[in-house]
Amino acid sequence: MKTSIILAAGEGTRMKSDIPKTLHKVCGKEMIKYIIEAAEKSEIEKNVVVLGHGKEKIRQSIDNYNVYTVEQPIGNNAPYGTGYAVMVAKQYINDEDTVVILCADGPLITKETLISLMEYHEKNNFAASVLTANFNNPKGLGRIVRNEDGTIANIIEEKDANEEVKKITEINTGIFCFKGKLLKDALNKIDTNNSQNEYYLTDTVKVLNKDGYKIGGFVLLDESDIKAVNDRVQLAEVNKIMQQRINKKHMINGVTLIDPDHVYIDDSVIIKNDTVIYPNTILEQGTKIGSGCTIGPNTRIINSTVMDNVNIDNSKVIDSYIDDNTTVGPFAYLRPGTILGKNVKIGDFVEVKKSTIGDNSKSSHLSYIGDAEVGKNVNIGCGVVFVNYDGKTKNKTIVEDGAFVGSNSNLVAPVTIHEGGYVACGSTITDDVENGDLAIARARQVNKKGLGKNRY
């Protein structure tokens, strides 16, 4: 069986945050979730997460994943170090397992890298294998010391390294692969005799070498896979790399990004082919975009479904549904609960909230539609306000099929404009308008001769 142990107990003090480090988001998803998903996609059957600081928040966040959790004691008297973190998960390690050690603050690790590491480890029958990389500037990182046959003799942390070892550019990434029994045996033999007084997982390499076992070193070619997050600067760097990966995936799948460096797409977003995304567009949290759409520029869509051939320009859309061939914007705002039918037009400076608007209806500019049910083939004129709030409760307005609401009208809910009803511009409607009726609710114009002169 393949087993992963995911180390997520660190405090993450450099993040300067009340949020556990591994719950900070990269492209809309918590870092630890990327690690779990990479392990699952690598066909690792059993995944164990080691918790410590912020354990309850982390446990709640990953509750939907099929993982085991164990707790690493924290406090002044508790042992520290990666070696000790793995020790607390020993109960889940079987002798015959291939065990992969992962860090929960490295969300860029890919299934391809993990699969290659495990294949390398098992093919060569190593007791342990270390994922390594060559850095031009390895300062602060543990160095890989190799034997003449290419196997690994030791891993030396920089604080424990002499000047000769510090010249080595091959570094330990913190990702390991072990035979289960040998990992448990080695953990029983490591100690805290080092500059940090911690149990180093890297000391298992020295123990296994001493016992006559061979340690492999699998060199990673793409250094970005193992980039970790320890502060907000590194979080931004990792976000940038992940965004480039996500954008590339969508382009390969047939989506046009006019300027990929200025389009931000969360990991969970789905976009179909032949959609064009303009710069400064942000797609978040489970948004689904159909084919043949034009989105942006300067558009933000959150947790919404956009069907085929939709055009959204310079607008914000939250928790909404937009059907085929509909146009939104520029400068429109669709708030939660908005459902737009086919061939709908929501124009500039129109705000829609918790409302359904039927096929072929339009509100071209400067209107507010809230808590409403608007039918098909309805015209909402410029400056129309659905007056949905009486100071205590929100009330519903119904505008049935084929109705026409003239410009600068107020529909005071609860009220219904029945099928084919016509509201004259400038009206304040407080009573229902029956089928086909014309409603005029305004004072008759009176002109006072000559009084327009000399007003000042």
Protein backbone atom coordinates (compact mmCIF):
# COMPACT_ATOMS: atom_id res chain seq x y z
CA MET A 1 0.00 0.00 0.00
CA LYS A 2 1.08 3.57 -0.68
CA THR A 3 0.75 5.89 2.30
CA SER A 4 1.39 9.61 2.63
CA ILE A 5 2.18 11.51 5.81
CA ILE A 6 1.39 15.19 5.35
CA LEU A 7 3.09 17.48 7.86
CA ALA A 8 0.71 20.30 8.84
CA ALA A 9 1.56 20.98 12.50
CA GLY A 10 3.74 24.08 12.08
CA GLU A 11 2.79 27.38 13.67
CA GLY A 12 3.70 29.55 10.68
CA THR A 13 4.67 32.57 12.76
CA ARG A 14 6.13 34.45 9.79
CA MET A 15 2.67 34.64 8.20
CA LYS A 16 1.64 36.93 11.10
CA SER A 17 -1.88 35.58 10.91
CA ASP A 18 -4.63 34.12 13.07
CA ILE A 19 -5.29 31.68 10.22
CA PRO A 20 -3.21 28.46 10.29
CA LYS A 21 -0.55 28.70 7.60
CA THR A 22 -1.77 25.73 5.58
CA LEU A 23 -5.27 27.26 5.35
CA HIS A 24 -4.08 30.33 3.50
CA LYS A 25 -5.44 30.15 -0.02
CA VAL A 26 -3.64 29.79 -3.32
CA CYS A 27 -5.89 30.57 -6.29
CA GLY A 28 -8.97 30.23 -4.15
CA LYS A 29 -8.12 26.96 -2.38
CA GLU A 30 -6.40 26.22 0.92
CA MET A 31 -2.81 25.06 0.48
CA ILE A 32 -3.28 21.79 2.35
CA LYS A 33 -6.02 20.73 -0.05
CA TYR A 34 -3.61 20.87 -2.99
CA ILE A 35 -1.30 18.46 -1.16
CA ILE A 36 -4.07 15.99 -0.34
CA GLU A 37 -5.40 16.10 -3.90
CA ALA A 38 -1.93 15.59 -5.39
CA ALA A 39 -1.50 12.52 -3.17
CA GLU A 40 -4.92 11.16 -4.14
CA LYS A 41 -4.24 11.70 -7.85
CA SER A 42 -0.95 9.83 -7.40
CA GLU A 43 -2.97 6.77 -6.30
CA ILE A 44 -1.75 6.95 -2.73
CA GLU A 45 -4.40 4.92 -0.93
CA LYS A 46 -3.93 6.16 2.63
CA ASN A 47 -3.27 9.78 3.53
CA VAL A 48 -2.42 10.87 7.07
CA VAL A 49 -2.34 14.53 8.14
CA VAL A 50 -0.28 15.50 11.19
CA LEU A 51 -1.93 18.42 13.02
CA GLY A 52 -0.66 20.77 15.70
CA HIS A 53 -1.22 24.53 15.73
CA GLY A 54 -4.72 25.42 14.51
CA LYS A 55 -5.68 21.75 14.48
CA GLU A 56 -9.45 22.26 14.81
CA LYS A 57 -9.63 24.77 11.96
CA ILE A 58 -7.54 22.54 9.72
CA ARG A 59 -9.52 19.42 10.61
CA GLN A 60 -12.77 21.21 9.80
CA SER A 61 -11.40 22.47 6.48
CA ILE A 62 -10.41 19.00 5.26
CA ASP A 63 -13.42 17.19 6.71
CA ASN A 64 -14.67 16.22 3.24
CA TYR A 65 -11.43 14.45 2.34
CA ASN A 66 -10.76 10.78 3.03
CA VAL A 67 -7.82 11.30 5.36
CA TYR A 68 -6.69 10.22 8.80
CA THR A 69 -5.58 12.89 11.26
CA VAL A 70 -3.17 12.64 14.17
CA GLU A 71 -2.11 15.34 16.61
CA GLN A 72 1.44 16.38 17.36
CA PRO A 73 1.73 17.69 20.94
CA ILE A 74 2.71 21.33 21.15
CA GLY A 75 4.05 23.37 24.02
CA ASN A 76 7.28 24.13 25.87
CA ASN A 77 7.93 20.52 26.87
CA ALA A 78 6.89 18.90 23.58
CA PRO A 79 9.57 17.63 21.19
CA TYR A 80 9.94 19.46 17.88
CA GLY A 81 11.11 18.66 14.39
CA THR A 82 9.97 16.89 11.25
CA GLY A 83 11.21 13.58 12.63
CA TYR A 84 8.93 13.87 15.64
CA ALA A 85 5.99 14.86 13.43
CA VAL A 86 6.37 11.62 11.49
CA MET A 87 6.77 9.64 14.74
CA VAL A 88 3.25 10.56 15.88
CA ALA A 89 1.86 8.95 12.71
CA LYS A 90 3.72 5.64 13.11
CA GLN A 91 0.51 3.76 13.92
CA TYR A 92 -0.60 4.26 10.30
CA ILE A 93 2.64 2.95 8.77
CA ASN A 94 2.62 -0.73 7.83
CA ASP A 95 5.88 -2.61 7.30
CA GLU A 96 5.18 -3.27 3.63
CA ASP A 97 4.02 0.29 2.81
CA THR A 98 5.68 2.74 0.49
CA VAL A 99 5.53 5.91 2.60
CA VAL A 100 5.72 9.40 1.10
CA ILE A 101 6.43 12.35 3.40
CA LEU A 102 4.91 15.64 2.23
CA CYS A 103 4.81 19.21 3.56
CA ALA A 104 1.43 20.96 3.75
CA ASP A 105 2.92 24.36 2.89
CA GLY A 106 4.10 23.28 -0.57
CA PRO A 107 0.94 23.43 -2.72
CA LEU A 108 2.73 23.33 -6.07
CA ILE A 109 3.71 19.66 -5.87
CA THR A 110 2.24 17.70 -8.77
CA LYS A 111 1.03 14.15 -9.17
CA GLU A 112 3.57 13.65 -11.96
CA THR A 113 6.44 14.42 -9.59
CA LEU A 114 5.08 12.15 -6.85
CA ILE A 115 4.47 9.27 -9.25
CA SER A 116 7.99 9.62 -10.70
CA LEU A 117 9.51 9.68 -7.19
CA MET A 118 7.66 6.53 -6.10
CA GLU A 119 8.52 4.69 -9.31
CA TYR A 120 12.20 5.62 -8.92
CA HIS A 121 12.15 4.48 -5.30
CA GLU A 122 10.48 1.12 -5.95
CA LYS A 123 12.32 0.30 -9.18
CA ASN A 124 15.71 0.73 -7.48
CA ASN A 125 14.62 -1.00 -4.25
CA PHE A 126 15.97 1.84 -2.10
CA ALA A 127 15.37 1.89 1.63
CA ALA A 128 14.55 5.57 1.21
CA SER A 129 14.56 8.11 -1.60
CA VAL A 130 14.90 11.86 -1.31
CA LEU A 131 13.44 14.34 -3.76
CA THR A 132 16.29 16.77 -4.44
CA ALA A 133 16.87 19.88 -6.54
CA ASN A 134 19.82 21.99 -7.62
CA PHE A 135 19.67 25.64 -6.54
CA ASN A 136 22.06 28.38 -7.60
CA ASN A 137 21.60 29.94 -4.18
CA PRO A 138 20.92 27.15 -1.65
CA LYS A 139 21.41 29.32 1.43
CA GLY A 140 19.38 28.14 4.40
CA LEU A 141 18.61 24.73 2.91
CA GLY A 142 19.79 21.24 3.81
CA ARG A 143 22.55 19.94 1.52
CA ILE A 144 22.71 16.53 -0.15
CA VAL A 145 25.98 14.66 0.33
CA ARG A 146 26.37 11.83 -2.18
CA ASN A 147 28.46 8.65 -2.22
CA GLU A 148 30.70 7.80 -5.16
CA ASP A 149 27.99 5.50 -6.58
CA GLY A 150 25.48 8.36 -6.62
CA THR A 151 23.46 7.25 -3.62
CA ILE A 152 22.93 9.67 -0.74
CA ALA A 153 25.33 9.49 2.17
CA ASN A 154 23.84 12.22 4.33
CA ILE A 155 21.64 15.31 4.48
CA ILE A 156 23.18 18.14 6.47
CA GLU A 157 21.16 21.15 7.60
CA GLU A 158 22.91 24.45 6.92
CA LYS A 159 23.16 25.31 10.62
CA ASP A 160 25.12 22.08 11.11
CA ALA A 161 27.18 22.35 7.91
CA ASN A 162 30.85 23.28 7.55
CA GLU A 163 32.09 25.58 4.79
CA GLU A 164 32.79 22.69 2.40
CA VAL A 165 29.26 21.30 2.71
CA LYS A 166 27.77 24.77 2.21
CA LYS A 167 29.33 24.84 -1.28
CA ILE A 168 27.03 21.99 -2.35
CA THR A 169 24.14 23.22 -4.51
CA GLU A 170 21.97 20.08 -4.39
CA ILE A 171 19.36 20.51 -1.67
CA ASN A 172 16.78 18.50 0.21
CA THR A 173 13.23 19.46 -0.81
CA GLY A 174 11.66 17.93 2.31
CA ILE A 175 9.81 15.27 0.32
CA PHE A 176 10.83 11.65 0.99
CA CYS A 177 9.87 8.11 0.09
CA PHE A 178 10.53 5.21 2.50
CA LYS A 179 9.97 1.54 2.96
CA GLY A 180 7.54 1.42 5.87
CA LYS A 181 9.43 -0.94 8.19
CA LEU A 182 12.77 0.75 7.66
CA LEU A 183 11.27 4.18 8.30
CA LYS A 184 9.89 3.04 11.65
CA ASP A 185 13.18 1.40 12.59
CA ALA A 186 15.14 4.55 11.70
CA LEU A 187 12.78 6.82 13.62
CA ASN A 188 13.50 4.79 16.74
CA LYS A 189 17.21 5.59 16.40
CA ILE A 190 17.30 9.34 15.73
CA ASP A 191 17.96 11.87 18.50
CA THR A 192 18.02 15.62 19.13
CA ASN A 193 21.79 16.02 19.13
CA ASN A 194 21.91 19.00 16.76
CA SER A 195 21.92 22.79 16.82
CA GLN A 196 18.12 23.00 17.01
CA ASN A 197 17.61 20.25 19.59
CA GLU A 198 14.99 18.76 17.29
CA TYR A 199 14.26 15.37 15.79
CA TYR A 200 15.34 15.77 12.18
CA LEU A 201 13.67 13.47 9.67
CA THR A 202 16.82 13.86 7.60
CA ASP A 203 18.74 11.97 10.30
CA THR A 204 16.94 8.79 9.19
CA VAL A 205 19.15 8.90 6.10
CA LYS A 206 22.28 8.77 8.25
CA VAL A 207 20.80 5.91 10.32
CA LEU A 208 19.84 3.84 7.29
CA ASN A 209 23.26 4.36 5.70
CA LYS A 210 24.93 3.21 8.90
CA ASP A 211 22.77 0.09 8.83
CA GLY A 212 23.96 -0.69 5.30
CA TYR A 213 20.96 0.42 3.27
CA LYS A 214 21.08 2.49 0.08
CA ILE A 215 19.37 5.87 -0.18
CA GLY A 216 18.30 7.23 -3.55
CA GLY A 217 18.22 10.85 -4.64
CA PHE A 218 15.67 11.74 -7.34
CA VAL A 219 16.55 15.11 -8.87
CA LEU A 220 13.62 17.40 -9.59
CA LEU A 221 13.89 19.36 -12.83
CA ASP A 222 11.13 21.93 -12.22
CA GLU A 223 12.06 23.74 -9.02
CA SER A 224 8.65 25.41 -8.79
CA ASP A 225 7.11 22.08 -7.72
CA ILE A 226 8.67 22.35 -4.28
CA LYS A 227 8.34 26.08 -3.60
CA ALA A 228 7.04 26.44 -0.03
CA VAL A 229 5.18 29.23 1.75
CA ASN A 230 6.52 30.72 4.96
CA ASP A 231 5.42 34.35 4.64
CA ARG A 232 3.14 36.58 2.58
CA VAL A 233 5.82 37.29 -0.01
CA GLN A 234 6.23 33.59 -0.74
CA LEU A 235 2.44 33.19 -0.75
CA ALA A 236 2.21 35.76 -3.53
CA GLU A 237 5.01 34.01 -5.47
CA VAL A 238 3.27 30.64 -5.19
CA ASN A 239 -0.04 32.20 -6.22
CA LYS A 240 1.62 33.57 -9.34
CA ILE A 241 3.06 30.20 -10.34
CA MET A 242 -0.24 28.42 -9.68
CA GLN A 243 -2.09 31.05 -11.70
CA GLN A 244 0.22 30.51 -14.64
CA ARG A 245 -0.44 26.76 -14.46
CA ILE A 246 -4.21 27.25 -14.30
CA ASN A 247 -4.24 29.75 -17.16
CA LYS A 248 -2.08 27.47 -19.30
CA LYS A 249 -4.46 24.56 -18.67
CA HIS A 250 -7.43 26.60 -19.87
CA MET A 251 -5.60 27.83 -22.97
CA ILE A 252 -4.60 24.28 -23.88
CA ASN A 253 -8.28 23.33 -23.50
CA GLY A 254 -9.37 25.94 -26.05
CA VAL A 255 -9.93 29.12 -24.03
CA THR A 256 -8.44 32.38 -25.31
CA LEU A 257 -6.81 34.60 -22.70
CA ILE A 258 -5.98 37.94 -24.31
CA ASP A 259 -3.37 38.71 -21.64
CA PRO A 260 -2.71 35.67 -19.40
CA ASP A 261 -0.62 37.70 -16.95
CA HIS A 262 -3.67 39.76 -16.03
CA VAL A 263 -6.39 37.11 -15.75
CA TYR A 264 -7.01 35.48 -12.36
CA ILE A 265 -8.83 32.14 -12.32
CA ASP A 266 -9.44 30.06 -9.21
CA ASP A 267 -8.52 26.39 -9.23
CA SER A 268 -12.17 25.26 -9.16
CA VAL A 269 -13.34 27.27 -12.19
CA ILE A 270 -14.54 25.45 -15.32
CA ILE A 271 -14.42 27.16 -18.74
CA LYS A 272 -15.48 25.58 -22.03
CA ASN A 273 -13.76 26.08 -25.37
CA ASP A 274 -13.94 29.14 -27.61
CA THR A 275 -14.57 31.50 -24.72
CA VAL A 276 -12.47 34.68 -24.74
CA ILE A 277 -11.26 36.21 -21.47
CA TYR A 278 -10.12 39.84 -21.52
CA PRO A 279 -7.59 41.39 -19.08
CA ASN A 280 -8.35 42.19 -15.45
CA THR A 281 -10.96 39.46 -15.21
CA ILE A 282 -11.29 37.48 -11.97
CA LEU A 283 -13.16 34.15 -11.94
CA GLU A 284 -13.68 32.69 -8.46
CA GLN A 285 -15.05 29.88 -6.29
CA GLY A 286 -16.72 27.30 -8.46
CA THR A 287 -17.69 29.53 -11.37
CA LYS A 288 -18.65 27.71 -14.59
CA ILE A 289 -18.36 29.44 -17.97
CA GLY A 290 -19.84 27.94 -21.13
CA SER A 291 -18.47 28.01 -24.67
CA GLY A 292 -18.34 30.97 -27.03
CA CYS A 293 -18.53 33.57 -24.24
CA THR A 294 -16.75 36.90 -24.04
CA ILE A 295 -15.82 37.83 -20.47
CA GLY A 296 -14.27 41.15 -19.46
CA PRO A 297 -12.34 43.29 -19.36
CA ASN A 298 -12.51 44.36 -15.70
CA THR A 299 -15.04 41.70 -14.70
CA ARG A 300 -15.36 39.67 -11.51
CA ILE A 301 -17.52 36.53 -11.38
CA ILE A 302 -17.97 34.61 -8.12
CA ASN A 303 -19.64 31.20 -7.73
CA SER A 304 -21.86 31.68 -10.77
CA THR A 305 -22.93 29.72 -13.83
CA VAL A 306 -22.64 31.37 -17.23
CA MET A 307 -24.03 29.40 -20.15
CA ASP A 308 -23.02 29.61 -23.84
CA ASN A 309 -22.44 32.73 -25.97
CA VAL A 310 -22.80 35.16 -23.08
CA ASN A 311 -21.12 38.57 -23.10
CA ILE A 312 -20.17 40.13 -19.74
CA ASP A 313 -18.35 43.46 -19.89
CA ASN A 314 -16.90 45.48 -16.98
CA SER A 315 -19.31 43.93 -14.46
CA LYS A 316 -19.58 42.04 -11.18
CA VAL A 317 -21.55 38.80 -10.84
CA ILE A 318 -22.11 36.91 -7.56
CA ASP A 319 -24.00 33.64 -6.98
CA SER A 320 -25.99 34.05 -10.19
CA TYR A 321 -27.13 32.10 -13.26
CA ILE A 322 -26.93 33.53 -16.78
CA ASP A 323 -28.47 31.61 -19.68
CA ASP A 324 -27.46 31.47 -23.35
CA ASN A 325 -26.92 34.55 -25.54
CA THR A 326 -27.41 37.05 -22.73
CA THR A 327 -25.52 40.33 -22.46
CA VAL A 328 -24.46 41.90 -19.16
CA GLY A 329 -22.86 45.30 -18.76
CA PRO A 330 -20.90 47.39 -19.00
CA PHE A 331 -20.93 48.35 -15.33
CA ALA A 332 -23.73 46.01 -14.26
CA TYR A 333 -23.98 44.34 -10.85
CA LEU A 334 -25.66 40.95 -10.47
CA ARG A 335 -26.09 40.17 -6.79
CA PRO A 336 -26.84 36.76 -5.22
CA GLY A 337 -29.98 35.01 -6.37
CA THR A 338 -30.07 36.53 -9.86
CA ILE A 339 -31.32 34.24 -12.65
CA LEU A 340 -31.26 35.58 -16.20
CA GLY A 341 -32.94 33.74 -19.07
CA LYS A 342 -31.91 33.48 -22.72
CA ASN A 343 -31.30 36.59 -24.84
CA VAL A 344 -31.64 38.91 -21.86
CA LYS A 345 -29.99 42.33 -21.86
CA ILE A 346 -28.77 43.85 -18.59
CA GLY A 347 -27.12 47.10 -19.54
CA ASP A 348 -24.95 49.77 -17.99
CA PHE A 349 -25.44 50.65 -14.35
CA VAL A 350 -28.21 48.10 -13.83
CA GLU A 351 -28.28 46.26 -10.50
CA VAL A 352 -30.20 42.99 -10.10
CA LYS A 353 -30.68 41.18 -6.80
CA LYS A 354 -32.56 37.96 -5.97
CA SER A 355 -34.61 38.20 -9.13
CA THR A 356 -35.57 36.04 -12.10
CA ILE A 357 -35.70 37.68 -15.53
CA GLY A 358 -37.24 35.72 -18.39
CA ASP A 359 -36.13 35.19 -21.97
CA ASN A 360 -35.80 38.18 -24.30
CA SER A 361 -36.38 40.74 -21.56
CA LYS A 362 -34.19 43.78 -21.14
CA SER A 363 -33.17 46.51 -18.74
CA SER A 364 -30.79 48.58 -20.77
CA HIS A 365 -29.56 51.15 -18.24
CA LEU A 366 -29.71 52.77 -14.82
CA SER A 367 -32.24 50.53 -13.05
CA TYR A 368 -32.55 48.55 -9.83
CA ILE A 369 -34.39 45.21 -9.93
CA GLY A 370 -34.65 43.58 -6.51
CA ASP A 371 -36.78 40.69 -5.17
CA ALA A 372 -38.58 40.42 -8.48
CA GLU A 373 -40.04 37.95 -10.92
CA VAL A 374 -39.85 39.38 -14.41
CA GLY A 375 -41.38 37.42 -17.29
CA LYS A 376 -40.46 37.07 -20.95
CA ASN A 377 -40.29 39.91 -23.48
CA VAL A 378 -40.45 42.60 -20.80
CA ASN A 379 -38.94 46.06 -21.19
CA ILE A 380 -37.63 47.81 -18.06
CA GLY A 381 -36.97 51.45 -18.95
CA CYS A 382 -34.16 53.72 -17.86
CA GLY A 383 -34.19 54.74 -14.22
CA VAL A 384 -36.80 52.19 -13.08
CA VAL A 385 -36.63 51.23 -9.40
CA PHE A 386 -38.21 48.13 -7.92
CA VAL A 387 -39.01 49.49 -4.47
CA ASN A 388 -38.68 46.25 -2.54
CA TYR A 389 -38.01 47.43 1.04
CA ASP A 390 -40.56 49.13 3.27
CA GLY A 391 -38.17 49.64 6.17
CA LYS A 392 -38.97 46.31 7.82
CA THR A 393 -39.37 43.60 5.19
CA LYS A 394 -38.40 42.87 1.59
CA ASN A 395 -41.42 42.52 -0.70
CA LYS A 396 -41.80 40.97 -4.14
CA THR A 397 -42.64 42.58 -7.46
CA ILE A 398 -44.04 40.53 -10.36
CA VAL A 399 -43.87 41.79 -13.94
CA GLU A 400 -45.53 39.31 -16.28
CA ASP A 401 -44.79 38.47 -19.93
CA GLY A 402 -44.88 41.28 -22.46
CA ALA A 403 -45.19 44.11 -19.95
CA PHE A 404 -43.58 47.50 -20.51
CA VAL A 405 -42.32 49.66 -17.66
CA GLY A 406 -41.55 53.20 -18.76
CA SER A 407 -38.50 55.18 -17.73
CA ASN A 408 -38.13 56.72 -14.29
CA SER A 409 -40.94 54.63 -12.77
CA ASN A 410 -41.13 53.20 -9.24
CA LEU A 411 -42.78 49.82 -8.66
CA VAL A 412 -43.66 49.77 -4.96
CA ALA A 413 -43.78 46.16 -3.78
CA PRO A 414 -45.76 44.08 -3.26
CA VAL A 415 -47.25 44.77 -6.66
CA THR A 416 -47.94 42.94 -9.93
CA ILE A 417 -47.83 44.24 -13.50
CA HIS A 418 -49.91 41.64 -15.31
CA GLU A 419 -49.33 40.32 -18.84
CA GLY A 420 -49.14 43.07 -21.43
CA GLY A 421 -49.47 45.83 -18.85
CA TYR A 422 -47.98 49.23 -19.66
CA VAL A 423 -46.60 51.65 -17.08
CA ALA A 424 -46.22 55.21 -18.31
CA CYS A 425 -42.89 56.83 -17.66
CA GLY A 426 -42.49 58.75 -14.42
CA SER A 427 -45.16 56.71 -12.61
CA THR A 428 -45.10 55.46 -9.03
CA ILE A 429 -47.09 52.22 -9.05
CA THR A 430 -48.62 51.02 -5.78
CA ASP A 431 -51.58 49.02 -7.15
CA ASP A 432 -51.64 46.05 -9.50
CA VAL A 433 -51.89 46.75 -13.23
CA GLU A 434 -54.25 44.30 -14.93
CA ASN A 435 -53.74 42.56 -18.29
CA GLY A 436 -53.21 45.03 -21.09
CA ASP A 437 -53.95 48.11 -18.99
CA LEU A 438 -52.09 51.41 -19.16
CA ALA A 439 -51.12 52.77 -15.75
CA ILE A 440 -50.34 56.46 -15.28
CA ALA A 441 -49.46 57.50 -11.74
CA ARG A 442 -48.20 61.07 -11.84
CA ALA A 443 -49.62 64.56 -11.37
CA ARG A 444 -50.86 66.39 -14.45
CA GLN A 445 -48.38 68.97 -15.75
CA VAL A 446 -49.19 72.59 -15.01
CA ASN A 447 -47.31 75.43 -16.73
CA LYS A 448 -47.28 78.81 -14.91
CA LYS A 449 -46.94 81.47 -17.59
CA GLY A 450 -43.91 83.73 -17.18
CA LEU A 451 -42.80 82.33 -13.84
CA GLY A 452 -39.74 80.70 -15.34
CA LYS A 453 -38.07 84.09 -15.77
CA ASN A 454 -35.96 85.97 -13.25
CA ARG A 455 -35.70 83.07 -10.83
CA TYR A 456 -32.73 84.56 -8.98
